[in-house]
Amino acid sequence: MSQLYDLSEVAQNNGKSGKPCWLIIKGNVYDVTNFLAEHPGGGDALLEYGGKDASKAFKQAGHSSDAERDLKNYKIGELRPVEAAPIQIQPQSTGTKGPDTITSSPEPAKKSSGFLCCC
């Protein structure tokens, strides 16, 4: 099983102030600190996404299959899935009216203002 990381933990490792540079790509966490100097697009391109999800940028850059294969060498784990908070349904108390409840009798139709139709 792969190491799981929280988003906040990845965000702390943004490559600034001597910290490692971690990226998220397709739910996987990569430590690219030792690749910064070797990256063909320059280390700044990686640092821009340090501690963040770089999936879209990685895809848009048009990386080769070799680059995708080499990326595996820097994988340190996976992003921990965020669990949704349970939804709590509050029952309606008795005696309350729902949104479709008619509260009074409909208003009677108003008489016309004297327009006469001869059709």
PDB file of N, CA and C in Angstrom:
ATOM      1  N   MET A   1       0.837  -1.180   0.000  1.00  0.00           N
ATOM      2  CA  MET A   1       0.000   0.000   0.000  1.00  0.00           C
ATOM      3  C   MET A   1       0.884   1.246   0.000  1.00  0.00           C
ATOM      4  N   SER A   2       0.461   2.226  -0.706  1.00  0.00           N
ATOM      5  CA  SER A   2       1.199   3.472  -0.863  1.00  0.00           C
ATOM      6  C   SER A   2       0.948   4.394   0.330  1.00  0.00           C
ATOM      7  N   GLN A   3       1.929   5.241   0.626  1.00  0.00           N
ATOM      8  CA  GLN A   3       1.788   6.246   1.681  1.00  0.00           C
ATOM      9  C   GLN A   3       0.688   7.227   1.285  1.00  0.00           C
ATOM     10  N   LEU A   4      -0.172   7.605   2.234  1.00  0.00           N
ATOM     11  CA  LEU A   4      -1.241   8.564   1.970  1.00  0.00           C
ATOM     12  C   LEU A   4      -0.898   9.902   2.617  1.00  0.00           C
ATOM     13  N   TYR A   5      -1.154  10.974   1.865  1.00  0.00           N
ATOM     14  CA  TYR A   5      -0.867  12.329   2.342  1.00  0.00           C
ATOM     15  C   TYR A   5      -2.126  13.175   2.285  1.00  0.00           C
ATOM     16  N   ASP A   6      -2.293  14.030   3.283  1.00  0.00           N
ATOM     17  CA  ASP A   6      -3.384  15.001   3.279  1.00  0.00           C
ATOM     18  C   ASP A   6      -2.983  16.175   2.396  1.00  0.00           C
ATOM     19  N   LEU A   7      -3.975  16.853   1.842  1.00  0.00           N
ATOM     20  CA  LEU A   7      -3.731  18.021   1.004  1.00  0.00           C
ATOM     21  C   LEU A   7      -2.946  19.085   1.763  1.00  0.00           C
ATOM     22  N   SER A   8      -3.246  19.268   3.036  1.00  0.00           N
ATOM     23  CA  SER A   8      -2.541  20.277   3.838  1.00  0.00           C
ATOM     24  C   SER A   8      -1.061  19.920   3.996  1.00  0.00           C
ATOM     25  N   GLU A   9      -0.762  18.634   4.087  1.00  0.00           N
ATOM     26  CA  GLU A   9       0.628  18.192   4.214  1.00  0.00           C
ATOM     27  C   GLU A   9       1.401  18.457   2.920  1.00  0.00           C
ATOM     28  N   VAL A  10       0.761  18.208   1.790  1.00  0.00           N
ATOM     29  CA  VAL A  10       1.395  18.476   0.497  1.00  0.00           C
ATOM     30  C   VAL A  10       1.621  19.977   0.348  1.00  0.00           C
ATOM     31  N   ALA A  11       0.629  20.773   0.739  1.00  0.00           N
ATOM     32  CA  ALA A  11       0.713  22.229   0.606  1.00  0.00           C
ATOM     33  C   ALA A  11       1.911  22.801   1.378  1.00  0.00           C
ATOM     34  N   GLN A  12       2.274  22.186   2.490  1.00  0.00           N
ATOM     35  CA  GLN A  12       3.412  22.656   3.287  1.00  0.00           C
ATOM     36  C   GLN A  12       4.740  22.431   2.559  1.00  0.00           C
ATOM     37  N   ASN A  13       4.785  21.434   1.695  1.00  0.00           N
ATOM     38  CA  ASN A  13       6.007  21.091   0.968  1.00  0.00           C
ATOM     39  C   ASN A  13       5.961  21.718  -0.422  1.00  0.00           C
ATOM     40  N   ASN A  14       6.070  23.044  -0.428  1.00  0.00           N
ATOM     41  CA  ASN A  14       5.894  23.820  -1.654  1.00  0.00           C
ATOM     42  C   ASN A  14       7.200  24.272  -2.299  1.00  0.00           C
ATOM     43  N   GLY A  15       8.330  23.808  -1.779  1.00  0.00           N
ATOM     44  CA  GLY A  15       9.628  24.159  -2.346  1.00  0.00           C
ATOM     45  C   GLY A  15      10.158  25.507  -1.896  1.00  0.00           C
ATOM     46  N   LYS A  16       9.477  26.170  -1.001  1.00  0.00           N
ATOM     47  CA  LYS A  16       9.905  27.483  -0.515  1.00  0.00           C
ATOM     48  C   LYS A  16      10.581  27.358   0.848  1.00  0.00           C
ATOM     49  N   SER A  17      11.466  28.282   1.134  1.00  0.00           N
ATOM     50  CA  SER A  17      12.166  28.342   2.432  1.00  0.00           C
ATOM     51  C   SER A  17      12.873  27.037   2.763  1.00  0.00           C
ATOM     52  N   GLY A  18      13.483  26.412   1.758  1.00  0.00           N
ATOM     53  CA  GLY A  18      14.251  25.195   1.974  1.00  0.00           C
ATOM     54  C   GLY A  18      13.429  23.924   2.120  1.00  0.00           C
ATOM     55  N   LYS A  19      12.122  24.035   1.931  1.00  0.00           N
ATOM     56  CA  LYS A  19      11.268  22.846   2.035  1.00  0.00           C
ATOM     57  C   LYS A  19      11.301  22.066   0.724  1.00  0.00           C
ATOM     58  N   PRO A  20      11.005  20.763   0.793  1.00  0.00           N
ATOM     59  CA  PRO A  20      10.941  19.966  -0.436  1.00  0.00           C
ATOM     60  C   PRO A  20       9.828  20.478  -1.359  1.00  0.00           C
ATOM     61  N   CYS A  21       9.914  20.128  -2.620  1.00  0.00           N
ATOM     62  CA  CYS A  21       8.897  20.518  -3.590  1.00  0.00           C
ATOM     63  C   CYS A  21       8.090  19.278  -3.969  1.00  0.00           C
ATOM     64  N   TRP A  22       6.857  19.240  -3.472  1.00  0.00           N
ATOM     65  CA  TRP A  22       5.951  18.134  -3.779  1.00  0.00           C
ATOM     66  C   TRP A  22       4.874  18.628  -4.733  1.00  0.00           C
ATOM     67  N   LEU A  23       4.460  17.761  -5.640  1.00  0.00           N
ATOM     68  CA  LEU A  23       3.379  18.052  -6.577  1.00  0.00           C
ATOM     69  C   LEU A  23       2.352  16.942  -6.521  1.00  0.00           C
ATOM     70  N   ILE A  24       1.144  17.276  -6.890  1.00  0.00           N
ATOM     71  CA  ILE A  24       0.092  16.278  -7.045  1.00  0.00           C
ATOM     72  C   ILE A  24      -0.207  16.182  -8.537  1.00  0.00           C
ATOM     73  N   ILE A  25      -0.166  14.977  -9.061  1.00  0.00           N
ATOM     74  CA  ILE A  25      -0.532  14.737 -10.457  1.00  0.00           C
ATOM     75  C   ILE A  25      -1.405  13.494 -10.475  1.00  0.00           C
ATOM     76  N   LYS A  26      -2.631  13.687 -10.914  1.00  0.00           N
ATOM     77  CA  LYS A  26      -3.618  12.601 -11.007  1.00  0.00           C
ATOM     78  C   LYS A  26      -3.759  11.835  -9.696  1.00  0.00           C
ATOM     79  N   GLY A  27      -3.800  12.568  -8.584  1.00  0.00           N
ATOM     80  CA  GLY A  27      -4.025  11.956  -7.278  1.00  0.00           C
ATOM     81  C   GLY A  27      -2.791  11.341  -6.643  1.00  0.00           C
ATOM     82  N   ASN A  28      -1.667  11.370  -7.341  1.00  0.00           N
ATOM     83  CA  ASN A  28      -0.412  10.858  -6.800  1.00  0.00           C
ATOM     84  C   ASN A  28       0.445  12.024  -6.329  1.00  0.00           C
ATOM     85  N   VAL A  29       1.263  11.778  -5.299  1.00  0.00           N
ATOM     86  CA  VAL A  29       2.137  12.803  -4.734  1.00  0.00           C
ATOM     87  C   VAL A  29       3.578  12.486  -5.145  1.00  0.00           C
ATOM     88  N   TYR A  30       4.243  13.508  -5.687  1.00  0.00           N
ATOM     89  CA  TYR A  30       5.613  13.355  -6.169  1.00  0.00           C
ATOM     90  C   TYR A  30       6.518  14.357  -5.479  1.00  0.00           C
ATOM     91  N   ASP A  31       7.701  13.899  -5.053  1.00  0.00           N
ATOM     92  CA  ASP A  31       8.726  14.783  -4.511  1.00  0.00           C
ATOM     93  C   ASP A  31       9.705  15.047  -5.649  1.00  0.00           C
ATOM     94  N   VAL A  32       9.604  16.224  -6.251  1.00  0.00           N
ATOM     95  CA  VAL A  32      10.428  16.562  -7.415  1.00  0.00           C
ATOM     96  C   VAL A  32      11.613  17.463  -7.040  1.00  0.00           C
ATOM     97  N   THR A  33      11.917  17.538  -5.760  1.00  0.00           N
ATOM     98  CA  THR A  33      12.990  18.398  -5.274  1.00  0.00           C
ATOM     99  C   THR A  33      14.301  18.140  -6.012  1.00  0.00           C
ATOM    100  N   ASN A  34      14.677  16.884  -6.165  1.00  0.00           N
ATOM    101  CA  ASN A  34      15.948  16.542  -6.797  1.00  0.00           C
ATOM    102  C   ASN A  34      15.893  16.623  -8.324  1.00  0.00           C
ATOM    103  N   PHE A  35      14.722  16.909  -8.872  1.00  0.00           N
ATOM    104  CA  PHE A  35      14.567  17.005 -10.324  1.00  0.00           C
ATOM    105  C   PHE A  35      14.502  18.454 -10.799  1.00  0.00           C
ATOM    106  N   LEU A  36      14.430  19.401  -9.874  1.00  0.00           N
ATOM    107  CA  LEU A  36      14.277  20.818 -10.239  1.00  0.00           C
ATOM    108  C   LEU A  36      15.358  21.280 -11.220  1.00  0.00           C
ATOM    109  N   ALA A  37      16.620  20.937 -10.956  1.00  0.00           N
ATOM    110  CA  ALA A  37      17.724  21.384 -11.804  1.00  0.00           C
ATOM    111  C   ALA A  37      17.742  20.670 -13.156  1.00  0.00           C
ATOM    112  N   GLU A  38      17.150  19.495 -13.216  1.00  0.00           N
ATOM    113  CA  GLU A  38      17.167  18.694 -14.448  1.00  0.00           C
ATOM    114  C   GLU A  38      15.938  18.898 -15.334  1.00  0.00           C
ATOM    115  N   HIS A  39      14.895  19.498 -14.804  1.00  0.00           N
ATOM    116  CA  HIS A  39      13.641  19.627 -15.561  1.00  0.00           C
ATOM    117  C   HIS A  39      13.876  20.436 -16.839  1.00  0.00           C
ATOM    118  N   PRO A  40      13.534  19.864 -18.004  1.00  0.00           N
ATOM    119  CA  PRO A  40      13.771  20.572 -19.274  1.00  0.00           C
ATOM    120  C   PRO A  40      13.087  21.936 -19.358  1.00  0.00           C
ATOM    121  N   GLY A  41      11.974  22.102 -18.678  1.00  0.00           N
ATOM    122  CA  GLY A  41      11.266  23.387 -18.684  1.00  0.00           C
ATOM    123  C   GLY A  41      11.757  24.331 -17.605  1.00  0.00           C
ATOM    124  N   GLY A  42      12.751  23.926 -16.850  1.00  0.00           N
ATOM    125  CA  GLY A  42      13.295  24.736 -15.763  1.00  0.00           C
ATOM    126  C   GLY A  42      12.625  24.422 -14.439  1.00  0.00           C
ATOM    127  N   GLY A  43      13.363  24.616 -13.383  1.00  0.00           N
ATOM    128  CA  GLY A  43      12.859  24.339 -12.044  1.00  0.00           C
ATOM    129  C   GLY A  43      11.703  25.234 -11.642  1.00  0.00           C
ATOM    130  N   ASP A  44      11.677  26.461 -12.185  1.00  0.00           N
ATOM    131  CA  ASP A  44      10.591  27.387 -11.838  1.00  0.00           C
ATOM    132  C   ASP A  44       9.234  26.862 -12.279  1.00  0.00           C
ATOM    133  N   ALA A  45       9.218  26.117 -13.370  1.00  0.00           N
ATOM    134  CA  ALA A  45       7.950  25.551 -13.851  1.00  0.00           C
ATOM    135  C   ALA A  45       7.381  24.574 -12.824  1.00  0.00           C
ATOM    136  N   LEU A  46       8.256  23.862 -12.145  1.00  0.00           N
ATOM    137  CA  LEU A  46       7.811  22.925 -11.104  1.00  0.00           C
ATOM    138  C   LEU A  46       7.476  23.668  -9.818  1.00  0.00           C
ATOM    139  N   LEU A  47       8.307  24.637  -9.457  1.00  0.00           N
ATOM    140  CA  LEU A  47       8.084  25.392  -8.226  1.00  0.00           C
ATOM    141  C   LEU A  47       6.764  26.162  -8.252  1.00  0.00           C
ATOM    142  N   GLU A  48       6.326  26.540  -9.444  1.00  0.00           N
ATOM    143  CA  GLU A  48       5.045  27.239  -9.574  1.00  0.00           C
ATOM    144  C   GLU A  48       3.896  26.400  -9.022  1.00  0.00           C
ATOM    145  N   TYR A  49       4.025  25.094  -9.123  1.00  0.00           N
ATOM    146  CA  TYR A  49       2.980  24.189  -8.650  1.00  0.00           C
ATOM    147  C   TYR A  49       3.378  23.452  -7.370  1.00  0.00           C
ATOM    148  N   GLY A  50       4.456  23.889  -6.742  1.00  0.00           N
ATOM    149  CA  GLY A  50       4.892  23.266  -5.499  1.00  0.00           C
ATOM    150  C   GLY A  50       3.786  23.279  -4.456  1.00  0.00           C
ATOM    151  N   GLY A  51       3.481  22.112  -3.903  1.00  0.00           N
ATOM    152  CA  GLY A  51       2.447  21.989  -2.885  1.00  0.00           C
ATOM    153  C   GLY A  51       1.035  22.003  -3.435  1.00  0.00           C
ATOM    154  N   LYS A  52       0.894  21.956  -4.772  1.00  0.00           N
ATOM    155  CA  LYS A  52      -0.424  22.062  -5.401  1.00  0.00           C
ATOM    156  C   LYS A  52      -0.662  20.916  -6.378  1.00  0.00           C
ATOM    157  N   ASP A  53      -1.877  20.903  -6.920  1.00  0.00           N
ATOM    158  CA  ASP A  53      -2.232  19.936  -7.945  1.00  0.00           C
ATOM    159  C   ASP A  53      -1.757  20.459  -9.297  1.00  0.00           C
ATOM    160  N   ALA A  54      -0.856  19.731  -9.922  1.00  0.00           N
ATOM    161  CA  ALA A  54      -0.287  20.124 -11.206  1.00  0.00           C
ATOM    162  C   ALA A  54      -0.809  19.253 -12.342  1.00  0.00           C
ATOM    163  N   SER A  55      -1.883  18.519 -12.121  1.00  0.00           N
ATOM    164  CA  SER A  55      -2.401  17.580 -13.120  1.00  0.00           C
ATOM    165  C   SER A  55      -2.702  18.259 -14.446  1.00  0.00           C
ATOM    166  N   LYS A  56      -3.414  19.360 -14.411  1.00  0.00           N
ATOM    167  CA  LYS A  56      -3.811  20.053 -15.636  1.00  0.00           C
ATOM    168  C   LYS A  56      -2.586  20.588 -16.376  1.00  0.00           C
ATOM    169  N   ALA A  57      -1.665  21.200 -15.646  1.00  0.00           N
ATOM    170  CA  ALA A  57      -0.458  21.753 -16.262  1.00  0.00           C
ATOM    171  C   ALA A  57       0.401  20.641 -16.866  1.00  0.00           C
ATOM    172  N   PHE A  58       0.483  19.510 -16.185  1.00  0.00           N
ATOM    173  CA  PHE A  58       1.270  18.385 -16.687  1.00  0.00           C
ATOM    174  C   PHE A  58       0.683  17.878 -17.998  1.00  0.00           C
ATOM    175  N   LYS A  59      -0.621  17.769 -18.036  1.00  0.00           N
ATOM    176  CA  LYS A  59      -1.280  17.286 -19.248  1.00  0.00           C
ATOM    177  C   LYS A  59      -1.128  18.294 -20.391  1.00  0.00           C
ATOM    178  N   GLN A  60      -1.329  19.575 -20.099  1.00  0.00           N
ATOM    179  CA  GLN A  60      -1.256  20.607 -21.127  1.00  0.00           C
ATOM    180  C   GLN A  60       0.155  20.787 -21.683  1.00  0.00           C
ATOM    181  N   ALA A  61       1.173  20.428 -20.915  1.00  0.00           N
ATOM    182  CA  ALA A  61       2.554  20.581 -21.366  1.00  0.00           C
ATOM    183  C   ALA A  61       2.909  19.553 -22.443  1.00  0.00           C
ATOM    184  N   GLY A  62       2.074  18.547 -22.605  1.00  0.00           N
ATOM    185  CA  GLY A  62       2.317  17.545 -23.641  1.00  0.00           C
ATOM    186  C   GLY A  62       3.543  16.690 -23.373  1.00  0.00           C
ATOM    187  N   HIS A  63       3.673  16.226 -22.148  1.00  0.00           N
ATOM    188  CA  HIS A  63       4.816  15.391 -21.789  1.00  0.00           C
ATOM    189  C   HIS A  63       4.823  14.090 -22.592  1.00  0.00           C
ATOM    190  N   SER A  64       6.007  13.638 -22.904  1.00  0.00           N
ATOM    191  CA  SER A  64       6.181  12.385 -23.652  1.00  0.00           C
ATOM    192  C   SER A  64       5.883  11.193 -22.759  1.00  0.00           C
ATOM    193  N   SER A  65       5.771  10.033 -23.373  1.00  0.00           N
ATOM    194  CA  SER A  65       5.555   8.810 -22.584  1.00  0.00           C
ATOM    195  C   SER A  65       6.781   8.535 -21.721  1.00  0.00           C
ATOM    196  N   ASP A  66       7.972   8.949 -22.186  1.00  0.00           N
ATOM    197  CA  ASP A  66       9.187   8.794 -21.373  1.00  0.00           C
ATOM    198  C   ASP A  66       9.091   9.636 -20.100  1.00  0.00           C
ATOM    199  N   ALA A  67       8.582  10.860 -20.248  1.00  0.00           N
ATOM    200  CA  ALA A  67       8.439  11.739 -19.082  1.00  0.00           C
ATOM    201  C   ALA A  67       7.444  11.141 -18.082  1.00  0.00           C
ATOM    202  N   GLU A  68       6.356  10.580 -18.606  1.00  0.00           N
ATOM    203  CA  GLU A  68       5.366   9.956 -17.718  1.00  0.00           C
ATOM    204  C   GLU A  68       5.965   8.745 -17.017  1.00  0.00           C
ATOM    205  N   ARG A  69       6.787   7.993 -17.724  1.00  0.00           N
ATOM    206  CA  ARG A  69       7.441   6.824 -17.130  1.00  0.00           C
ATOM    207  C   ARG A  69       8.431   7.273 -16.055  1.00  0.00           C
ATOM    208  N   ASP A  70       9.235   8.305 -16.363  1.00  0.00           N
ATOM    209  CA  ASP A  70      10.232   8.799 -15.416  1.00  0.00           C
ATOM    210  C   ASP A  70       9.598   9.414 -14.170  1.00  0.00           C
ATOM    211  N   LEU A  71       8.401   9.950 -14.314  1.00  0.00           N
ATOM    212  CA  LEU A  71       7.698  10.557 -13.183  1.00  0.00           C
ATOM    213  C   LEU A  71       7.514   9.556 -12.048  1.00  0.00           C
ATOM    214  N   LYS A  72       7.357   8.296 -12.403  1.00  0.00           N
ATOM    215  CA  LYS A  72       7.154   7.248 -11.389  1.00  0.00           C
ATOM    216  C   LYS A  72       8.314   7.175 -10.402  1.00  0.00           C
ATOM    217  N   ASN A  73       9.505   7.584 -10.843  1.00  0.00           N
ATOM    218  CA  ASN A  73      10.682   7.554  -9.964  1.00  0.00           C
ATOM    219  C   ASN A  73      10.567   8.538  -8.803  1.00  0.00           C
ATOM    220  N   TYR A  74       9.694   9.521  -8.935  1.00  0.00           N
ATOM    221  CA  TYR A  74       9.565  10.562  -7.915  1.00  0.00           C
ATOM    222  C   TYR A  74       8.315  10.407  -7.050  1.00  0.00           C
ATOM    223  N   LYS A  75       7.547   9.377  -7.310  1.00  0.00           N
ATOM    224  CA  LYS A  75       6.312   9.161  -6.549  1.00  0.00           C
ATOM    225  C   LYS A  75       6.641   8.765  -5.117  1.00  0.00           C
ATOM    226  N   ILE A  76       6.005   9.477  -4.178  1.00  0.00           N
ATOM    227  CA  ILE A  76       6.204   9.156  -2.759  1.00  0.00           C
ATOM    228  C   ILE A  76       4.913   8.672  -2.108  1.00  0.00           C
ATOM    229  N   GLY A  77       3.801   8.792  -2.804  1.00  0.00           N
ATOM    230  CA  GLY A  77       2.543   8.336  -2.229  1.00  0.00           C
ATOM    231  C   GLY A  77       1.354   8.830  -3.025  1.00  0.00           C
ATOM    232  N   GLU A  78       0.217   8.819  -2.353  1.00  0.00           N
ATOM    233  CA  GLU A  78      -1.033   9.240  -2.971  1.00  0.00           C
ATOM    234  C   GLU A  78      -1.748  10.240  -2.071  1.00  0.00           C
ATOM    235  N   LEU A  79      -2.580  11.032  -2.698  1.00  0.00           N
ATOM    236  CA  LEU A  79      -3.378  11.990  -1.947  1.00  0.00           C
ATOM    237  C   LEU A  79      -4.490  11.245  -1.223  1.00  0.00           C
ATOM    238  N   ARG A  80      -4.635  11.526   0.055  1.00  0.00           N
ATOM    239  CA  ARG A  80      -5.683  10.885   0.846  1.00  0.00           C
ATOM    240  C   ARG A  80      -7.040  11.386   0.355  1.00  0.00           C
ATOM    241  N   PRO A  81      -7.962  10.472   0.061  1.00  0.00           N
ATOM    242  CA  PRO A  81      -9.293  10.919  -0.380  1.00  0.00           C
ATOM    243  C   PRO A  81      -9.981  11.727   0.714  1.00  0.00           C
ATOM    244  N   VAL A  82     -10.653  12.767   0.297  1.00  0.00           N
ATOM    245  CA  VAL A  82     -11.395  13.605   1.236  1.00  0.00           C
ATOM    246  C   VAL A  82     -12.748  12.963   1.443  1.00  0.00           C
ATOM    247  N   GLU A  83     -13.069  12.712   2.692  1.00  0.00           N
ATOM    248  CA  GLU A  83     -14.359  12.109   3.003  1.00  0.00           C
ATOM    249  C   GLU A  83     -15.383  13.212   3.189  1.00  0.00           C
ATOM    250  N   ALA A  84     -16.503  13.025   2.527  1.00  0.00           N
ATOM    251  CA  ALA A  84     -17.583  14.000   2.657  1.00  0.00           C
ATOM    252  C   ALA A  84     -18.214  13.877   4.036  1.00  0.00           C
ATOM    253  N   ALA A  85     -18.598  15.005   4.577  1.00  0.00           N
ATOM    254  CA  ALA A  85     -19.295  14.998   5.862  1.00  0.00           C
ATOM    255  C   ALA A  85     -20.662  14.362   5.669  1.00  0.00           C
ATOM    256  N   PRO A  86     -21.109  13.577   6.624  1.00  0.00           N
ATOM    257  CA  PRO A  86     -22.422  12.947   6.473  1.00  0.00           C
ATOM    258  C   PRO A  86     -23.536  13.992   6.405  1.00  0.00           C
ATOM    259  N   ILE A  87     -24.494  13.734   5.574  1.00  0.00           N
ATOM    260  CA  ILE A  87     -25.636  14.638   5.420  1.00  0.00           C
ATOM    261  C   ILE A  87     -26.652  14.295   6.493  1.00  0.00           C
ATOM    262  N   GLN A  88     -27.087  15.306   7.200  1.00  0.00           N
ATOM    263  CA  GLN A  88     -28.088  15.095   8.237  1.00  0.00           C
ATOM    264  C   GLN A  88     -29.414  15.656   7.750  1.00  0.00           C
ATOM    265  N   ILE A  89     -30.400  14.804   7.690  1.00  0.00           N
ATOM    266  CA  ILE A  89     -31.731  15.216   7.246  1.00  0.00           C
ATOM    267  C   ILE A  89     -32.561  15.509   8.478  1.00  0.00           C
ATOM    268  N   GLN A  90     -33.085  16.717   8.526  1.00  0.00           N
ATOM    269  CA  GLN A  90     -33.913  17.122   9.648  1.00  0.00           C
ATOM    270  C   GLN A  90     -35.374  16.847   9.302  1.00  0.00           C
ATOM    271  N   PRO A  91     -36.026  15.990  10.067  1.00  0.00           N
ATOM    272  CA  PRO A  91     -37.444  15.735   9.776  1.00  0.00           C
ATOM    273  C   PRO A  91     -38.277  16.979  10.063  1.00  0.00           C
ATOM    274  N   GLN A  92     -39.323  17.154   9.259  1.00  0.00           N
ATOM    275  CA  GLN A  92     -40.216  18.278   9.506  1.00  0.00           C
ATOM    276  C   GLN A  92     -41.063  17.957  10.724  1.00  0.00           C
ATOM    277  N   SER A  93     -41.238  18.956  11.563  1.00  0.00           N
ATOM    278  CA  SER A  93     -42.076  18.734  12.733  1.00  0.00           C
ATOM    279  C   SER A  93     -43.534  18.702  12.293  1.00  0.00           C
ATOM    280  N   THR A  94     -44.340  17.992  13.038  1.00  0.00           N
ATOM    281  CA  THR A  94     -45.752  17.881  12.681  1.00  0.00           C
ATOM    282  C   THR A  94     -46.428  19.225  12.823  1.00  0.00           C
ATOM    283  N   GLY A  95     -47.352  19.487  11.959  1.00  0.00           N
ATOM    284  CA  GLY A  95     -48.086  20.732  12.015  1.00  0.00           C
ATOM    285  C   GLY A  95     -47.496  21.816  11.137  1.00  0.00           C
ATOM    286  N   THR A  96     -46.309  21.584  10.598  1.00  0.00           N
ATOM    287  CA  THR A  96     -45.738  22.587   9.710  1.00  0.00           C
ATOM    288  C   THR A  96     -46.177  22.290   8.299  1.00  0.00           C
ATOM    289  N   LYS A  97     -46.204  23.309   7.525  1.00  0.00           N
ATOM    290  CA  LYS A  97     -46.648  23.160   6.152  1.00  0.00           C
ATOM    291  C   LYS A  97     -45.441  23.062   5.250  1.00  0.00           C
ATOM    292  N   GLY A  98     -45.467  22.119   4.324  1.00  0.00           N
ATOM    293  CA  GLY A  98     -44.392  21.954   3.364  1.00  0.00           C
ATOM    294  C   GLY A  98     -44.514  22.990   2.275  1.00  0.00           C
ATOM    295  N   PRO A  99     -43.573  23.005   1.346  1.00  0.00           N
ATOM    296  CA  PRO A  99     -43.577  24.018   0.297  1.00  0.00           C
ATOM    297  C   PRO A  99     -44.749  23.893  -0.678  1.00  0.00           C
ATOM    298  N   ASP A 100     -45.371  22.722  -0.745  1.00  0.00           N
ATOM    299  CA  ASP A 100     -46.480  22.531  -1.672  1.00  0.00           C
ATOM    300  C   ASP A 100     -47.846  22.640  -0.997  1.00  0.00           C
ATOM    301  N   THR A 101     -47.859  23.004   0.249  1.00  0.00           N
ATOM    302  CA  THR A 101     -49.111  23.096   0.976  1.00  0.00           C
ATOM    303  C   THR A 101     -49.831  24.389   0.628  1.00  0.00           C
ATOM    304  N   ILE A 102     -51.121  24.294   0.341  1.00  0.00           N
ATOM    305  CA  ILE A 102     -51.932  25.484   0.077  1.00  0.00           C
ATOM    306  C   ILE A 102     -52.377  26.017   1.421  1.00  0.00           C
ATOM    307  N   THR A 103     -52.080  27.290   1.665  1.00  0.00           N
ATOM    308  CA  THR A 103     -52.357  27.859   2.977  1.00  0.00           C
ATOM    309  C   THR A 103     -53.717  28.537   3.067  1.00  0.00           C
ATOM    310  N   SER A 104     -54.283  28.905   1.947  1.00  0.00           N
ATOM    311  CA  SER A 104     -55.598  29.528   1.972  1.00  0.00           C
ATOM    312  C   SER A 104     -56.285  29.219   0.650  1.00  0.00           C
ATOM    313  N   SER A 105     -57.557  29.515   0.610  1.00  0.00           N
ATOM    314  CA  SER A 105     -58.270  29.242  -0.630  1.00  0.00           C
ATOM    315  C   SER A 105     -57.786  30.203  -1.703  1.00  0.00           C
ATOM    316  N   PRO A 106     -57.764  29.751  -2.950  1.00  0.00           N
ATOM    317  CA  PRO A 106     -57.270  30.623  -4.006  1.00  0.00           C
ATOM    318  C   PRO A 106     -58.124  31.879  -4.128  1.00  0.00           C
ATOM    319  N   GLU A 107     -57.484  32.943  -4.585  1.00  0.00           N
ATOM    320  CA  GLU A 107     -58.164  34.218  -4.758  1.00  0.00           C
ATOM    321  C   GLU A 107     -59.147  34.102  -5.928  1.00  0.00           C
ATOM    322  N   PRO A 108     -60.377  34.607  -5.765  1.00  0.00           N
ATOM    323  CA  PRO A 108     -61.335  34.506  -6.865  1.00  0.00           C
ATOM    324  C   PRO A 108     -60.886  35.351  -8.054  1.00  0.00           C
ATOM    325  N   ALA A 109     -61.299  34.912  -9.241  1.00  0.00           N
ATOM    326  CA  ALA A 109     -60.942  35.644 -10.450  1.00  0.00           C
ATOM    327  C   ALA A 109     -61.563  37.023 -10.423  1.00  0.00           C
ATOM    328  N   LYS A 110     -60.822  38.009 -10.879  1.00  0.00           N
ATOM    329  CA  LYS A 110     -61.317  39.379 -10.898  1.00  0.00           C
ATOM    330  C   LYS A 110     -62.106  39.604 -12.182  1.00  0.00           C
ATOM    331  N   LYS A 111     -63.099  40.454 -12.087  1.00  0.00           N
ATOM    332  CA  LYS A 111     -63.909  40.786 -13.250  1.00  0.00           C
ATOM    333  C   LYS A 111     -63.096  41.658 -14.185  1.00  0.00           C
ATOM    334  N   SER A 112     -63.397  41.536 -15.462  1.00  0.00           N
ATOM    335  CA  SER A 112     -62.675  42.338 -16.446  1.00  0.00           C
ATOM    336  C   SER A 112     -63.066  43.789 -16.310  1.00  0.00           C
ATOM    337  N   SER A 113     -62.300  44.651 -16.928  1.00  0.00           N
ATOM    338  CA  SER A 113     -62.521  46.086 -16.814  1.00  0.00           C
ATOM    339  C   SER A 113     -63.520  46.603 -17.835  1.00  0.00           C
ATOM    340  N   GLY A 114     -64.387  45.751 -18.336  1.00  0.00           N
ATOM    341  CA  GLY A 114     -65.409  46.208 -19.259  1.00  0.00           C
ATOM    342  C   GLY A 114     -65.086  45.947 -20.711  1.00  0.00           C
ATOM    343  N   PHE A 115     -64.003  45.255 -20.990  1.00  0.00           N
ATOM    344  CA  PHE A 115     -63.679  44.964 -22.384  1.00  0.00           C
ATOM    345  C   PHE A 115     -64.691  43.962 -22.904  1.00  0.00           C
ATOM    346  N   LEU A 116     -65.247  44.244 -24.040  1.00  0.00           N
ATOM    347  CA  LEU A 116     -66.265  43.401 -24.633  1.00  0.00           C
ATOM    348  C   LEU A 116     -65.679  42.713 -25.853  1.00  0.00           C
ATOM    349  N   CYS A 117     -65.823  41.429 -25.865  1.00  0.00           N
ATOM    350  CA  CYS A 117     -65.328  40.657 -27.004  1.00  0.00           C
ATOM    351  C   CYS A 117     -66.522  40.215 -27.811  1.00  0.00           C
ATOM    352  N   CYS A 118     -66.489  40.446 -29.113  1.00  0.00           N
ATOM    353  CA  CYS A 118     -67.640  40.086 -29.940  1.00  0.00           C
ATOM    354  C   CYS A 118     -67.266  38.991 -30.933  1.00  0.00           C
ATOM    355  N   CYS A 119     -66.365  38.143 -30.636  1.00  0.00           N
ATOM    356  CA  CYS A 119     -65.957  37.086 -31.547  1.00  0.00           C
ATOM    357  C   CYS A 119     -66.852  35.897 -31.446  1.00  0.00           C
TER     358      CYS A 119
END
